[in-house]
Every structure is written in C-alpha cells, then in structure tokens.
N, C-alpha and C. Protein backbone atom coordinates (compact mmCIF):
# COMPACT_ATOMS: atom_id res chain seq x y z
N MET A 1 -55.42 54.84 39.50
CA MET A 1 -55.64 53.64 38.73
C MET A 1 -54.50 53.50 37.72
N SER A 2 -53.90 52.32 37.66
CA SER A 2 -52.77 52.11 36.76
C SER A 2 -53.25 51.80 35.34
N GLU A 3 -52.41 52.13 34.40
CA GLU A 3 -52.72 51.93 32.99
C GLU A 3 -52.62 50.45 32.64
N ILE A 4 -53.52 49.98 31.79
CA ILE A 4 -53.47 48.59 31.33
C ILE A 4 -52.39 48.49 30.25
N VAL A 5 -51.48 47.56 30.44
CA VAL A 5 -50.36 47.39 29.52
C VAL A 5 -50.56 46.12 28.71
N ASN A 6 -50.46 46.25 27.41
CA ASN A 6 -50.56 45.09 26.52
C ASN A 6 -49.16 44.50 26.39
N ARG A 7 -48.87 43.49 27.21
CA ARG A 7 -47.53 42.89 27.22
C ARG A 7 -47.25 42.12 25.95
N VAL A 8 -48.29 41.57 25.32
CA VAL A 8 -48.10 40.84 24.07
C VAL A 8 -47.61 41.79 22.98
N ALA A 9 -48.22 42.97 22.88
CA ALA A 9 -47.83 43.95 21.87
C ALA A 9 -46.40 44.46 22.11
N GLN A 10 -45.98 44.50 23.37
CA GLN A 10 -44.65 45.00 23.69
C GLN A 10 -43.57 43.92 23.62
N SER A 11 -43.97 42.68 23.53
CA SER A 11 -42.99 41.59 23.52
C SER A 11 -42.29 41.51 22.17
N LYS A 12 -41.22 40.74 22.13
CA LYS A 12 -40.47 40.52 20.88
C LYS A 12 -41.07 39.36 20.09
N LEU A 13 -42.20 38.88 20.54
CA LEU A 13 -42.87 37.74 19.90
C LEU A 13 -43.19 38.05 18.44
N VAL A 14 -42.80 37.15 17.56
CA VAL A 14 -43.06 37.28 16.13
C VAL A 14 -44.12 36.24 15.75
N THR A 15 -45.17 36.70 15.10
CA THR A 15 -46.22 35.78 14.64
C THR A 15 -45.96 35.41 13.19
N PHE A 16 -45.94 34.11 12.93
CA PHE A 16 -45.78 33.60 11.58
C PHE A 16 -47.13 33.01 11.14
N ASP A 17 -47.73 33.64 10.15
CA ASP A 17 -49.05 33.24 9.68
C ASP A 17 -48.92 32.63 8.29
N LEU A 18 -49.09 31.33 8.18
CA LEU A 18 -48.96 30.65 6.90
C LEU A 18 -49.96 31.15 5.87
N GLU A 19 -51.08 31.64 6.33
CA GLU A 19 -52.11 32.16 5.43
C GLU A 19 -51.58 33.35 4.61
N GLU A 20 -50.68 34.11 5.19
CA GLU A 20 -50.10 35.25 4.48
C GLU A 20 -49.23 34.83 3.30
N TYR A 21 -48.83 33.57 3.28
CA TYR A 21 -47.97 33.04 2.22
C TYR A 21 -48.76 32.20 1.22
N TYR A 22 -50.07 32.26 1.31
CA TYR A 22 -50.93 31.48 0.41
C TYR A 22 -50.68 31.89 -1.04
N PRO A 23 -50.27 30.96 -1.89
CA PRO A 23 -50.03 31.31 -3.30
C PRO A 23 -51.35 31.66 -4.00
N GLU A 24 -51.44 32.87 -4.48
CA GLU A 24 -52.67 33.33 -5.13
C GLU A 24 -52.76 32.77 -6.55
N GLY A 25 -53.96 32.46 -6.93
CA GLY A 25 -54.21 31.95 -8.27
C GLY A 25 -55.27 30.88 -8.22
N PRO A 26 -55.96 30.68 -9.34
CA PRO A 26 -57.02 29.67 -9.35
C PRO A 26 -56.46 28.26 -9.22
N ARG A 27 -57.23 27.42 -8.56
CA ARG A 27 -56.91 26.00 -8.43
C ARG A 27 -57.90 25.24 -9.31
N MET A 28 -57.38 24.29 -10.08
CA MET A 28 -58.24 23.52 -10.96
C MET A 28 -57.89 22.04 -10.85
N ILE A 29 -58.91 21.21 -10.91
CA ILE A 29 -58.74 19.76 -10.91
C ILE A 29 -59.06 19.27 -12.32
N LEU A 30 -58.15 18.52 -12.90
CA LEU A 30 -58.38 17.92 -14.21
C LEU A 30 -58.48 16.41 -14.00
N ASP A 31 -59.71 15.91 -14.07
CA ASP A 31 -59.99 14.50 -13.88
C ASP A 31 -60.09 13.83 -15.26
N ILE A 32 -59.21 12.88 -15.51
CA ILE A 32 -59.19 12.26 -16.83
C ILE A 32 -60.14 11.07 -16.97
N LYS A 33 -60.92 10.82 -15.96
CA LYS A 33 -61.85 9.68 -16.00
C LYS A 33 -62.69 9.70 -17.28
N ASP A 34 -63.18 10.85 -17.65
CA ASP A 34 -64.04 10.95 -18.83
C ASP A 34 -63.27 10.82 -20.14
N TRP A 35 -61.97 10.80 -20.08
CA TRP A 35 -61.14 10.63 -21.26
C TRP A 35 -60.91 9.14 -21.55
N LEU A 36 -61.35 8.28 -20.64
CA LEU A 36 -61.12 6.84 -20.75
C LEU A 36 -62.35 6.12 -21.29
N TYR A 37 -62.12 5.05 -22.01
CA TYR A 37 -63.22 4.23 -22.52
C TYR A 37 -63.95 3.62 -21.33
N GLU A 38 -65.24 3.90 -21.24
CA GLU A 38 -66.08 3.46 -20.12
C GLU A 38 -65.50 3.88 -18.77
N GLY A 39 -64.71 4.92 -18.77
CA GLY A 39 -64.13 5.44 -17.53
C GLY A 39 -63.06 4.58 -16.93
N LEU A 40 -62.67 3.50 -17.63
CA LEU A 40 -61.73 2.54 -17.04
C LEU A 40 -60.53 2.18 -17.91
N ILE A 41 -60.67 2.31 -19.21
CA ILE A 41 -59.63 1.80 -20.10
C ILE A 41 -59.05 2.95 -20.93
N LEU A 42 -57.74 3.07 -20.89
CA LEU A 42 -57.08 4.09 -21.69
C LEU A 42 -56.75 3.47 -23.05
N LYS A 43 -57.36 4.03 -24.07
CA LYS A 43 -57.04 3.66 -25.45
C LYS A 43 -56.18 4.80 -25.99
N GLU A 44 -54.95 4.49 -26.33
CA GLU A 44 -53.98 5.54 -26.64
C GLU A 44 -54.44 6.48 -27.75
N LYS A 45 -54.93 5.95 -28.83
CA LYS A 45 -55.32 6.80 -29.96
C LYS A 45 -56.42 7.78 -29.55
N GLU A 46 -57.45 7.30 -28.87
CA GLU A 46 -58.55 8.16 -28.43
C GLU A 46 -58.10 9.15 -27.36
N PHE A 47 -57.23 8.69 -26.48
CA PHE A 47 -56.72 9.55 -25.41
C PHE A 47 -55.93 10.72 -26.01
N ARG A 48 -55.06 10.41 -26.96
CA ARG A 48 -54.26 11.45 -27.62
C ARG A 48 -55.16 12.42 -28.39
N ALA A 49 -56.21 11.89 -29.02
CA ALA A 49 -57.15 12.75 -29.76
C ALA A 49 -57.86 13.70 -28.80
N HIS A 50 -58.24 13.18 -27.65
CA HIS A 50 -58.90 14.03 -26.64
C HIS A 50 -57.93 15.13 -26.17
N ALA A 51 -56.69 14.75 -25.93
CA ALA A 51 -55.68 15.73 -25.49
C ALA A 51 -55.46 16.79 -26.56
N GLU A 52 -55.47 16.37 -27.81
CA GLU A 52 -55.26 17.30 -28.92
C GLU A 52 -56.41 18.30 -29.03
N ALA A 53 -57.64 17.83 -28.79
CA ALA A 53 -58.83 18.66 -28.96
C ALA A 53 -59.14 19.53 -27.74
N HIS A 54 -58.53 19.23 -26.60
CA HIS A 54 -58.85 19.93 -25.35
C HIS A 54 -58.39 21.39 -25.39
N ASP A 55 -59.16 22.28 -24.77
CA ASP A 55 -58.80 23.69 -24.68
C ASP A 55 -57.89 23.92 -23.48
N TRP A 56 -56.60 23.88 -23.70
CA TRP A 56 -55.63 24.02 -22.62
C TRP A 56 -55.52 25.44 -22.12
N SER A 57 -55.92 26.39 -22.92
CA SER A 57 -55.82 27.80 -22.50
C SER A 57 -56.72 28.10 -21.30
N ALA A 58 -57.70 27.25 -21.02
CA ALA A 58 -58.58 27.43 -19.86
C ALA A 58 -57.80 27.34 -18.54
N TYR A 59 -56.59 26.80 -18.60
CA TYR A 59 -55.78 26.60 -17.40
C TYR A 59 -54.71 27.69 -17.23
N LYS A 60 -54.83 28.77 -17.98
CA LYS A 60 -53.84 29.84 -17.94
C LYS A 60 -53.70 30.40 -16.52
N ASP A 61 -52.47 30.42 -16.05
CA ASP A 61 -52.12 30.94 -14.72
C ASP A 61 -52.79 30.21 -13.57
N ALA A 62 -53.18 28.97 -13.78
CA ALA A 62 -53.84 28.17 -12.73
C ALA A 62 -52.86 27.16 -12.14
N PHE A 63 -53.17 26.73 -10.94
CA PHE A 63 -52.48 25.61 -10.30
C PHE A 63 -53.38 24.41 -10.57
N VAL A 64 -52.83 23.36 -11.17
CA VAL A 64 -53.65 22.25 -11.65
C VAL A 64 -53.26 20.94 -10.96
N ALA A 65 -54.28 20.22 -10.51
CA ALA A 65 -54.11 18.87 -9.96
C ALA A 65 -54.68 17.88 -10.97
N LEU A 66 -53.87 16.93 -11.39
CA LEU A 66 -54.31 15.88 -12.31
C LEU A 66 -54.72 14.67 -11.50
N GLN A 67 -55.84 14.08 -11.88
CA GLN A 67 -56.28 12.88 -11.19
C GLN A 67 -57.17 12.04 -12.09
N CYS A 68 -57.38 10.81 -11.65
CA CYS A 68 -58.34 9.92 -12.29
C CYS A 68 -59.20 9.38 -11.17
N SER A 69 -60.45 9.81 -11.13
CA SER A 69 -61.33 9.45 -10.01
C SER A 69 -61.93 8.05 -10.14
N SER A 70 -61.69 7.37 -11.27
CA SER A 70 -62.16 5.98 -11.38
C SER A 70 -61.05 5.05 -10.93
N ASP A 71 -61.34 3.78 -10.89
CA ASP A 71 -60.35 2.78 -10.46
C ASP A 71 -59.46 2.32 -11.60
N ALA A 72 -59.38 3.09 -12.64
CA ALA A 72 -58.57 2.72 -13.80
C ALA A 72 -57.08 2.71 -13.46
N ILE A 73 -56.36 1.84 -14.13
CA ILE A 73 -54.91 1.85 -14.04
C ILE A 73 -54.42 2.68 -15.21
N VAL A 74 -53.87 3.83 -14.89
CA VAL A 74 -53.46 4.79 -15.92
C VAL A 74 -51.93 4.78 -16.00
N PRO A 75 -51.39 4.55 -17.19
CA PRO A 75 -49.93 4.57 -17.32
C PRO A 75 -49.38 5.97 -17.07
N GLY A 76 -48.17 6.03 -16.55
CA GLY A 76 -47.55 7.31 -16.22
C GLY A 76 -47.45 8.26 -17.39
N TRP A 77 -47.23 7.73 -18.59
CA TRP A 77 -47.07 8.61 -19.74
C TRP A 77 -48.32 9.46 -20.00
N ALA A 78 -49.50 8.96 -19.60
CA ALA A 78 -50.74 9.71 -19.85
C ALA A 78 -50.72 11.04 -19.09
N PHE A 79 -50.31 11.00 -17.83
CA PHE A 79 -50.23 12.23 -17.04
C PHE A 79 -49.08 13.11 -17.53
N MET A 80 -48.03 12.48 -18.02
CA MET A 80 -46.90 13.24 -18.57
C MET A 80 -47.34 13.97 -19.85
N LEU A 81 -48.14 13.31 -20.67
CA LEU A 81 -48.65 13.93 -21.89
C LEU A 81 -49.51 15.15 -21.55
N ILE A 82 -50.38 14.99 -20.59
CA ILE A 82 -51.24 16.10 -20.17
C ILE A 82 -50.39 17.25 -19.62
N THR A 83 -49.40 16.91 -18.82
CA THR A 83 -48.51 17.94 -18.26
C THR A 83 -47.80 18.69 -19.37
N SER A 84 -47.38 17.98 -20.41
CA SER A 84 -46.70 18.67 -21.51
C SER A 84 -47.63 19.64 -22.22
N ARG A 85 -48.93 19.33 -22.26
CA ARG A 85 -49.90 20.24 -22.87
C ARG A 85 -50.21 21.42 -21.95
N LEU A 86 -50.19 21.17 -20.63
CA LEU A 86 -50.48 22.23 -19.66
C LEU A 86 -49.31 23.17 -19.45
N GLN A 87 -48.12 22.69 -19.70
CA GLN A 87 -46.90 23.44 -19.37
C GLN A 87 -46.89 24.88 -19.86
N PRO A 88 -47.33 25.19 -21.07
CA PRO A 88 -47.30 26.60 -21.48
C PRO A 88 -48.32 27.49 -20.76
N TYR A 89 -49.28 26.89 -20.06
CA TYR A 89 -50.37 27.66 -19.47
C TYR A 89 -50.37 27.67 -17.94
N ALA A 90 -50.28 26.51 -17.34
CA ALA A 90 -50.43 26.38 -15.88
C ALA A 90 -49.19 26.87 -15.14
N LYS A 91 -49.43 27.41 -13.94
CA LYS A 91 -48.31 27.82 -13.08
C LYS A 91 -47.61 26.60 -12.51
N GLN A 92 -48.39 25.58 -12.14
CA GLN A 92 -47.83 24.36 -11.58
C GLN A 92 -48.81 23.22 -11.79
N VAL A 93 -48.28 22.03 -12.00
CA VAL A 93 -49.11 20.84 -12.21
C VAL A 93 -48.63 19.76 -11.24
N VAL A 94 -49.57 19.12 -10.55
CA VAL A 94 -49.24 18.01 -9.67
C VAL A 94 -50.19 16.85 -9.94
N LEU A 95 -49.76 15.67 -9.57
CA LEU A 95 -50.61 14.49 -9.66
C LEU A 95 -51.25 14.28 -8.30
N GLY A 96 -52.57 14.31 -8.25
CA GLY A 96 -53.26 14.12 -6.98
C GLY A 96 -54.49 14.99 -6.87
N ASP A 97 -54.97 15.12 -5.64
CA ASP A 97 -56.19 15.89 -5.37
C ASP A 97 -55.85 17.30 -4.91
N GLN A 98 -56.86 18.01 -4.45
CA GLN A 98 -56.68 19.40 -3.98
C GLN A 98 -55.66 19.47 -2.85
N GLU A 99 -55.70 18.53 -1.94
CA GLU A 99 -54.76 18.51 -0.81
C GLU A 99 -53.32 18.35 -1.31
N ALA A 100 -53.13 17.47 -2.28
CA ALA A 100 -51.79 17.27 -2.85
C ALA A 100 -51.30 18.54 -3.53
N LEU A 101 -52.20 19.24 -4.18
CA LEU A 101 -51.86 20.49 -4.84
C LEU A 101 -51.42 21.54 -3.83
N GLU A 102 -52.23 21.74 -2.79
CA GLU A 102 -51.89 22.74 -1.76
C GLU A 102 -50.58 22.36 -1.06
N THR A 103 -50.38 21.08 -0.82
CA THR A 103 -49.15 20.62 -0.18
C THR A 103 -47.94 20.95 -1.03
N ALA A 104 -48.03 20.69 -2.33
CA ALA A 104 -46.91 21.00 -3.23
C ALA A 104 -46.63 22.50 -3.27
N LEU A 105 -47.68 23.29 -3.28
CA LEU A 105 -47.50 24.75 -3.31
C LEU A 105 -46.82 25.25 -2.05
N TYR A 106 -47.25 24.75 -0.90
CA TYR A 106 -46.66 25.20 0.36
C TYR A 106 -45.25 24.65 0.57
N GLN A 107 -44.96 23.51 0.00
CA GLN A 107 -43.60 22.99 0.12
C GLN A 107 -42.62 23.98 -0.50
N LYS A 108 -42.98 24.52 -1.64
CA LYS A 108 -42.14 25.52 -2.31
C LYS A 108 -42.07 26.80 -1.46
N VAL A 109 -43.20 27.22 -0.91
CA VAL A 109 -43.23 28.43 -0.07
C VAL A 109 -42.26 28.29 1.10
N ILE A 110 -42.31 27.15 1.78
CA ILE A 110 -41.45 26.96 2.95
C ILE A 110 -39.99 26.82 2.53
N GLU A 111 -39.72 26.14 1.42
CA GLU A 111 -38.34 26.03 0.94
C GLU A 111 -37.74 27.40 0.67
N ASP A 112 -38.55 28.31 0.14
CA ASP A 112 -38.08 29.65 -0.22
C ASP A 112 -38.17 30.66 0.93
N LEU A 113 -38.69 30.24 2.07
CA LEU A 113 -38.90 31.14 3.19
C LEU A 113 -37.58 31.69 3.74
N GLU A 114 -37.48 33.00 3.83
CA GLU A 114 -36.32 33.66 4.42
C GLU A 114 -36.55 33.69 5.93
N THR A 115 -35.67 33.08 6.70
CA THR A 115 -35.88 32.92 8.14
C THR A 115 -35.11 33.92 9.01
N GLU A 116 -34.32 34.78 8.41
CA GLU A 116 -33.50 35.70 9.21
C GLU A 116 -34.35 36.58 10.13
N GLN A 117 -35.56 36.89 9.73
CA GLN A 117 -36.46 37.71 10.55
C GLN A 117 -36.82 37.04 11.88
N PHE A 118 -36.60 35.72 11.97
CA PHE A 118 -36.95 34.97 13.17
C PHE A 118 -35.74 34.69 14.06
N ARG A 119 -34.56 35.10 13.64
CA ARG A 119 -33.34 34.77 14.36
C ARG A 119 -33.39 35.26 15.80
N ASP A 120 -33.18 34.31 16.73
CA ASP A 120 -33.09 34.56 18.17
C ASP A 120 -34.34 35.23 18.75
N LYS A 121 -35.48 35.01 18.12
CA LYS A 121 -36.73 35.58 18.61
C LYS A 121 -37.72 34.47 18.97
N PRO A 122 -38.64 34.77 19.87
CA PRO A 122 -39.72 33.82 20.12
C PRO A 122 -40.74 33.94 18.97
N VAL A 123 -41.07 32.81 18.38
CA VAL A 123 -41.97 32.80 17.22
C VAL A 123 -43.19 31.96 17.53
N ILE A 124 -44.34 32.50 17.17
CA ILE A 124 -45.57 31.73 17.31
C ILE A 124 -46.12 31.48 15.90
N ILE A 125 -46.36 30.22 15.61
CA ILE A 125 -46.94 29.85 14.32
C ILE A 125 -48.44 29.85 14.51
N LYS A 126 -49.08 30.79 13.84
CA LYS A 126 -50.52 30.97 13.99
C LYS A 126 -51.25 29.73 13.49
N GLY A 127 -52.25 29.32 14.26
CA GLY A 127 -52.95 28.08 13.95
C GLY A 127 -54.20 28.22 13.12
N CYS A 128 -54.94 29.28 13.28
CA CYS A 128 -56.22 29.42 12.58
C CYS A 128 -56.04 30.11 11.24
N THR A 129 -56.64 29.54 10.21
CA THR A 129 -56.58 30.15 8.88
C THR A 129 -57.95 30.05 8.21
N ASN A 130 -58.17 30.91 7.27
CA ASN A 130 -59.39 30.87 6.46
C ASN A 130 -59.12 30.28 5.08
N LYS A 131 -57.87 30.01 4.81
CA LYS A 131 -57.48 29.45 3.52
C LYS A 131 -57.01 28.01 3.73
N PRO A 132 -57.01 27.19 2.68
CA PRO A 132 -56.65 25.78 2.84
C PRO A 132 -55.14 25.55 2.99
N VAL A 133 -54.64 25.74 4.19
CA VAL A 133 -53.23 25.50 4.48
C VAL A 133 -53.09 24.04 4.88
N PRO A 134 -52.29 23.26 4.14
CA PRO A 134 -52.16 21.83 4.47
C PRO A 134 -51.39 21.62 5.77
N LYS A 135 -51.69 20.55 6.45
CA LYS A 135 -51.05 20.25 7.74
C LYS A 135 -49.54 20.11 7.61
N ASN A 136 -49.07 19.57 6.49
CA ASN A 136 -47.63 19.45 6.29
C ASN A 136 -46.92 20.80 6.34
N ALA A 137 -47.58 21.85 5.91
CA ALA A 137 -46.96 23.18 5.92
C ALA A 137 -46.58 23.59 7.34
N TYR A 138 -47.38 23.22 8.32
CA TYR A 138 -47.07 23.54 9.71
C TYR A 138 -45.82 22.79 10.18
N LEU A 139 -45.69 21.54 9.74
CA LEU A 139 -44.52 20.75 10.12
C LEU A 139 -43.26 21.34 9.50
N TRP A 140 -43.33 21.65 8.21
CA TRP A 140 -42.17 22.21 7.51
C TRP A 140 -41.79 23.57 8.08
N ALA A 141 -42.79 24.39 8.39
CA ALA A 141 -42.52 25.72 8.96
C ALA A 141 -41.84 25.58 10.31
N THR A 142 -42.33 24.66 11.14
CA THR A 142 -41.73 24.44 12.45
C THR A 142 -40.26 24.05 12.30
N ALA A 143 -39.99 23.09 11.44
CA ALA A 143 -38.62 22.60 11.26
C ALA A 143 -37.70 23.71 10.75
N LYS A 144 -38.18 24.53 9.85
CA LYS A 144 -37.34 25.58 9.27
C LYS A 144 -37.12 26.73 10.25
N ILE A 145 -38.18 27.17 10.88
CA ILE A 145 -38.07 28.31 11.82
C ILE A 145 -37.27 27.92 13.05
N GLN A 146 -37.41 26.70 13.50
CA GLN A 146 -36.70 26.21 14.69
C GLN A 146 -35.18 26.32 14.53
N GLN A 147 -34.69 26.28 13.33
CA GLN A 147 -33.25 26.36 13.09
C GLN A 147 -32.65 27.70 13.53
N VAL A 148 -33.47 28.75 13.57
CA VAL A 148 -32.94 30.09 13.90
C VAL A 148 -33.62 30.75 15.10
N ALA A 149 -34.83 30.32 15.42
CA ALA A 149 -35.61 31.00 16.47
C ALA A 149 -35.13 30.65 17.87
N LYS A 150 -35.42 31.55 18.79
CA LYS A 150 -35.14 31.31 20.21
C LYS A 150 -36.12 30.27 20.74
N SER A 151 -37.40 30.43 20.32
CA SER A 151 -38.42 29.46 20.70
C SER A 151 -39.51 29.45 19.63
N VAL A 152 -40.24 28.34 19.58
CA VAL A 152 -41.33 28.19 18.62
C VAL A 152 -42.55 27.72 19.39
N MET A 153 -43.68 28.39 19.13
CA MET A 153 -44.96 28.04 19.75
C MET A 153 -46.01 27.91 18.65
N TYR A 154 -47.14 27.35 19.03
CA TYR A 154 -48.24 27.19 18.08
C TYR A 154 -49.50 27.77 18.71
N GLY A 155 -50.31 28.44 17.89
CA GLY A 155 -51.60 28.94 18.37
C GLY A 155 -51.71 30.44 18.23
N GLU A 156 -52.17 31.06 19.29
CA GLU A 156 -52.33 32.52 19.35
C GLU A 156 -51.54 33.01 20.56
N ALA A 157 -51.19 34.29 20.56
CA ALA A 157 -50.38 34.84 21.65
C ALA A 157 -51.03 34.65 23.01
N CYS A 158 -52.36 34.68 23.04
CA CYS A 158 -53.07 34.55 24.32
C CYS A 158 -53.17 33.11 24.79
N SER A 159 -52.98 32.15 23.90
CA SER A 159 -53.09 30.74 24.28
C SER A 159 -52.23 29.88 23.35
N SER A 160 -50.95 29.92 23.58
CA SER A 160 -50.04 29.18 22.70
C SER A 160 -49.56 27.89 23.36
N VAL A 161 -49.12 26.98 22.50
CA VAL A 161 -48.56 25.71 22.95
C VAL A 161 -47.07 25.74 22.63
N PRO A 162 -46.22 25.62 23.64
CA PRO A 162 -44.77 25.63 23.37
C PRO A 162 -44.35 24.35 22.63
N LEU A 163 -43.52 24.53 21.60
CA LEU A 163 -43.04 23.40 20.82
C LEU A 163 -41.53 23.20 20.93
N PHE A 164 -40.80 24.31 21.03
CA PHE A 164 -39.34 24.24 21.02
C PHE A 164 -38.78 25.45 21.75
N LYS A 165 -37.69 25.22 22.49
CA LYS A 165 -36.98 26.31 23.14
C LYS A 165 -35.49 26.02 23.07
N ARG A 166 -34.75 26.98 22.51
CA ARG A 166 -33.30 26.83 22.38
C ARG A 166 -32.66 26.90 23.76
N LYS A 167 -31.72 26.00 24.01
CA LYS A 167 -31.06 25.98 25.31
C LYS A 167 -29.85 26.87 25.34
C-alpha cells in the first residue's frame, strides 16, 4: 500500500490570510446626533460646550468612527473639532460607520504590506475569516500581491478560484 502524500503541504503555495493582519484594538462609534438640538440642528455654542465637557480619555488607544445617524446637515468643522479632541487619545479617526473604519484600517495594512515573500510564488488569498475584513481589502491585496506573485488564487487550497497567472 502506498503512502498518502499531502501535495498541498509540499507545494510552494503561499497562503495570504487577511485576518492575520487585523489591526488589534477596540473599535468605537461616536455618533454626534445627541449633540445636536433636537438631533437635527447644530448650534455652535452648545456643540462646543458638549465637546469641552466630553470625556475623551474613554477613546484611549481605540479606532474611532465619527458619524451622525440623523438626517442633519453637519458642517465639516464639527467633525474636525471632534477629531482634534480625539487626536491625543485615539489610534485613528475616520468619518463613517464601522465598515468605513475597517476599510481605512486595512487600506493602511495593505499599503504597508511587504510583498517580497510572495515573489514568483503561487499565492492563495484565503477567503474565510472570523474577523470583519472589508471586501475592499481583498481587492487591494490582489492588486498588490499580483505585482510580484507567479499566480494569485482565492479561497482554500482544496478549492481555489484562479484570479491571475503571470505569463
């Protein structure tokens, strides 16, 4: 009887798992709706007073998404003011929801990604994650890895979808 050989384990296939690059740290949403008069109108004096009284230290080492969940028209300076208060505490501040926050975090991850480990190798970008990896991260990873890899696939080694092959 012949020995069972795991060809996947013996191959030069490199698995790239975006989940391994997940930026650790708390995520927080700061919704300014309650800072507005009747949730709709920004009154500068009251808004500034609220910003002055707010406990910004609660955002220490957090990734923060700023948003206004009401239909209010909020001037840009209001979010800039909040960002200036968060700056000494938060790791990063973005305007938008949780998805916008994760997208901004992964954009930086992919920009900083060292790709030499993928040079001239077949690479599979793992598809399943337990962490909130935004869809854009997969696009950016594909574009960046494709510049150096022999081939790029998506999925798992046992059932991958070919995306790119260098000629």
